[in-house]
């Protein structure tokens, strides 16, 4: 066996997608379960009044955007996407925050508002959610930049 043939498994292991690695898949599933459970609890605890502004989903998505912007920027500015940073990104970022935020519920709520004849509320909710969500992500990025300073080499 040549040296090149012995190195192939190392290259394959480094380039294999994260979702095919059991340890990363476990982090993703565990984080997703935590985030989804927290969102579900909040939505059950603070139910939206029929036809009203869906404040819980709105708050969840805005907070999630802020936290994800801050988290990913902090991780990126403090070193390479490897080791513990990658595990935090997958488990906390993609898993927990991805499970916590909810685009599908947002879309269903917009649809229900529109079908119920609450067109102004439905359109306003859709537009404000997107604009405030993007703004929150930008604030998260700027906040993380201020805290982390210059990117590590």
Protein backbone atom coordinates (compact mmCIF):
# COMPACT_ATOMS: atom_id res chain seq x y z
CA UNK A 1 0.00 0.00 0.00
CA UNK A 2 1.40 3.41 -0.97
CA UNK A 3 1.50 6.47 1.30
CA UNK A 4 -1.23 8.09 -0.80
CA UNK A 5 -3.53 5.10 -0.32
CA UNK A 6 -3.04 5.21 3.46
CA UNK A 7 -3.94 8.91 3.55
CA UNK A 8 -7.26 8.54 1.69
CA UNK A 9 -9.30 7.58 4.80
CA UNK A 10 -8.04 10.73 6.59
CA UNK A 11 -9.10 12.93 3.67
CA UNK A 12 -12.49 11.21 3.42
CA UNK A 13 -13.08 11.58 7.17
CA UNK A 14 -12.26 15.31 7.05
CA UNK A 15 -14.49 15.98 4.04
CA UNK A 16 -17.42 13.77 5.03
CA UNK A 17 -20.54 15.89 5.71
CA UNK A 18 -21.16 16.53 9.41
CA UNK A 19 -24.64 14.98 9.31
CA UNK A 20 -23.03 11.62 8.49
CA UNK A 21 -20.94 11.68 11.66
CA UNK A 22 -22.74 10.10 14.64
CA UNK A 23 -21.32 12.51 17.24
CA UNK A 24 -22.48 15.59 15.32
CA UNK A 25 -25.83 14.03 14.54
CA UNK A 26 -26.29 13.35 18.27
CA UNK A 27 -25.45 16.99 19.10
CA UNK A 28 -27.93 18.16 16.48
CA UNK A 29 -30.72 15.89 17.71
CA UNK A 30 -30.14 16.72 21.37
CA UNK A 31 -29.96 20.46 20.68
CA UNK A 32 -33.05 20.29 18.48
CA UNK A 33 -34.98 18.45 21.18
CA UNK A 34 -34.07 21.12 23.75
CA UNK A 35 -34.93 24.04 21.46
CA UNK A 36 -38.17 22.52 20.23
CA UNK A 37 -39.26 21.60 23.75
CA UNK A 38 -38.63 25.13 25.00
CA UNK A 39 -40.55 26.63 22.07
CA UNK A 40 -43.43 24.23 22.59
CA UNK A 41 -43.59 25.03 26.29
CA UNK A 42 -43.62 28.77 25.60
CA UNK A 43 -46.31 28.44 22.94
CA UNK A 44 -48.47 26.31 25.26
CA UNK A 45 -47.88 28.56 28.28
CA UNK A 46 -48.58 31.82 26.45
CA UNK A 47 -51.14 30.87 23.82
CA UNK A 48 -51.98 33.42 21.13
CA UNK A 49 -55.50 34.82 21.10
CA UNK A 50 -57.27 33.75 17.89
CA UNK A 51 -56.95 36.48 15.27
CA UNK A 52 -54.44 38.45 17.35
CA UNK A 53 -50.77 39.16 16.85
CA UNK A 54 -48.81 35.92 17.46
CA UNK A 55 -46.50 37.48 20.08
CA UNK A 56 -44.93 34.24 21.27
CA UNK A 57 -43.74 33.10 17.85
CA UNK A 58 -42.70 36.65 17.03
CA UNK A 59 -40.59 36.89 20.21
CA UNK A 60 -39.13 33.40 19.74
CA UNK A 61 -37.99 34.17 16.19
CA UNK A 62 -36.57 37.60 17.06
CA UNK A 63 -34.67 36.28 20.09
CA UNK A 64 -33.44 33.31 18.05
CA UNK A 65 -32.20 35.62 15.29
CA UNK A 66 -30.34 37.79 17.79
CA UNK A 67 -28.75 34.85 19.58
CA UNK A 68 -27.81 33.03 16.37
CA UNK A 69 -26.20 36.16 14.92
CA UNK A 70 -24.19 36.66 18.11
CA UNK A 71 -23.24 33.00 18.45
CA UNK A 72 -22.06 32.44 14.90
CA UNK A 73 -20.14 35.70 14.81
CA UNK A 74 -18.46 34.96 18.14
CA UNK A 75 -17.46 31.51 17.00
CA UNK A 76 -16.17 32.73 13.65
CA UNK A 77 -14.16 35.58 15.18
CA UNK A 78 -12.46 33.49 17.85
CA UNK A 79 -11.04 30.76 15.66
CA UNK A 80 -11.59 28.20 12.92
CA UNK A 81 -14.76 26.12 12.58
CA UNK A 82 -13.20 23.05 14.16
CA UNK A 83 -13.15 21.20 17.48
CA UNK A 84 -15.33 22.66 20.21
CA UNK A 85 -16.40 25.63 18.04
CA UNK A 86 -17.87 23.30 15.44
CA UNK A 87 -19.61 21.23 18.12
CA UNK A 88 -21.13 24.38 19.65
CA UNK A 89 -22.21 25.62 16.22
CA UNK A 90 -23.92 22.35 15.38
CA UNK A 91 -25.39 21.55 18.81
CA UNK A 92 -26.36 25.00 20.02
CA UNK A 93 -26.67 26.94 16.76
CA UNK A 94 -28.22 24.51 14.32
CA UNK A 95 -29.75 22.20 16.94
CA UNK A 96 -31.03 24.29 19.84
CA UNK A 97 -31.63 27.64 18.16
CA UNK A 98 -32.79 25.95 14.96
CA UNK A 99 -35.30 23.92 16.96
CA UNK A 100 -36.32 26.96 19.03
CA UNK A 101 -37.06 29.27 16.11
CA UNK A 102 -39.90 28.39 13.80
CA UNK A 103 -40.46 29.52 10.27
CA UNK A 104 -43.21 26.96 9.73
CA UNK A 105 -45.35 28.20 12.63
CA UNK A 106 -44.77 31.78 11.47
CA UNK A 107 -46.07 30.91 7.98
CA UNK A 108 -49.07 29.01 9.38
CA UNK A 109 -49.94 31.98 11.62
CA UNK A 110 -49.74 34.40 8.69
CA UNK A 111 -51.96 32.07 6.66
CA UNK A 112 -54.51 31.77 9.47
CA UNK A 113 -54.66 35.54 9.92
CA UNK A 114 -55.19 36.06 6.19
CA UNK A 115 -57.84 33.31 5.95
CA UNK A 116 -59.64 34.81 8.95
CA UNK A 117 -59.91 38.11 7.08
CA UNK A 118 -57.30 39.86 9.21
CA UNK A 119 -55.32 40.94 6.17
CA UNK A 120 -53.71 44.02 7.72
CA UNK A 121 -52.57 42.06 10.77
CA UNK A 122 -51.35 39.15 8.65
CA UNK A 123 -49.36 41.30 6.24
CA UNK A 124 -48.00 43.47 9.07
CA UNK A 125 -47.00 40.39 11.07
CA UNK A 126 -45.18 38.92 8.06
CA UNK A 127 -43.32 42.11 7.21
CA UNK A 128 -42.50 43.17 10.76
CA UNK A 129 -41.30 39.66 11.66
CA UNK A 130 -38.87 39.55 8.77
CA UNK A 131 -37.57 43.12 9.21
CA UNK A 132 -37.21 42.89 12.99
CA UNK A 133 -35.72 39.38 12.69
CA UNK A 134 -33.04 40.57 10.27
CA UNK A 135 -32.42 43.61 12.47
CA UNK A 136 -32.02 41.37 15.52
CA UNK A 137 -29.52 39.19 13.66
CA UNK A 138 -27.53 42.28 12.68
CA UNK A 139 -27.57 43.47 16.30
CA UNK A 140 -26.32 40.05 17.38
CA UNK A 141 -23.49 40.23 14.86
CA UNK A 142 -22.54 43.78 15.90
CA UNK A 143 -22.72 42.91 19.59
CA UNK A 144 -20.49 39.88 19.11
CA UNK A 145 -18.02 41.94 17.10
CA UNK A 146 -17.84 44.50 19.89
CA UNK A 147 -17.24 41.82 22.52
CA UNK A 148 -14.81 39.63 20.59
CA UNK A 149 -12.66 42.37 19.09
CA UNK A 150 -10.43 41.35 16.21
CA UNK A 151 -10.61 37.86 14.77
CA UNK A 152 -8.08 35.36 16.07
CA UNK A 153 -5.41 34.22 13.63
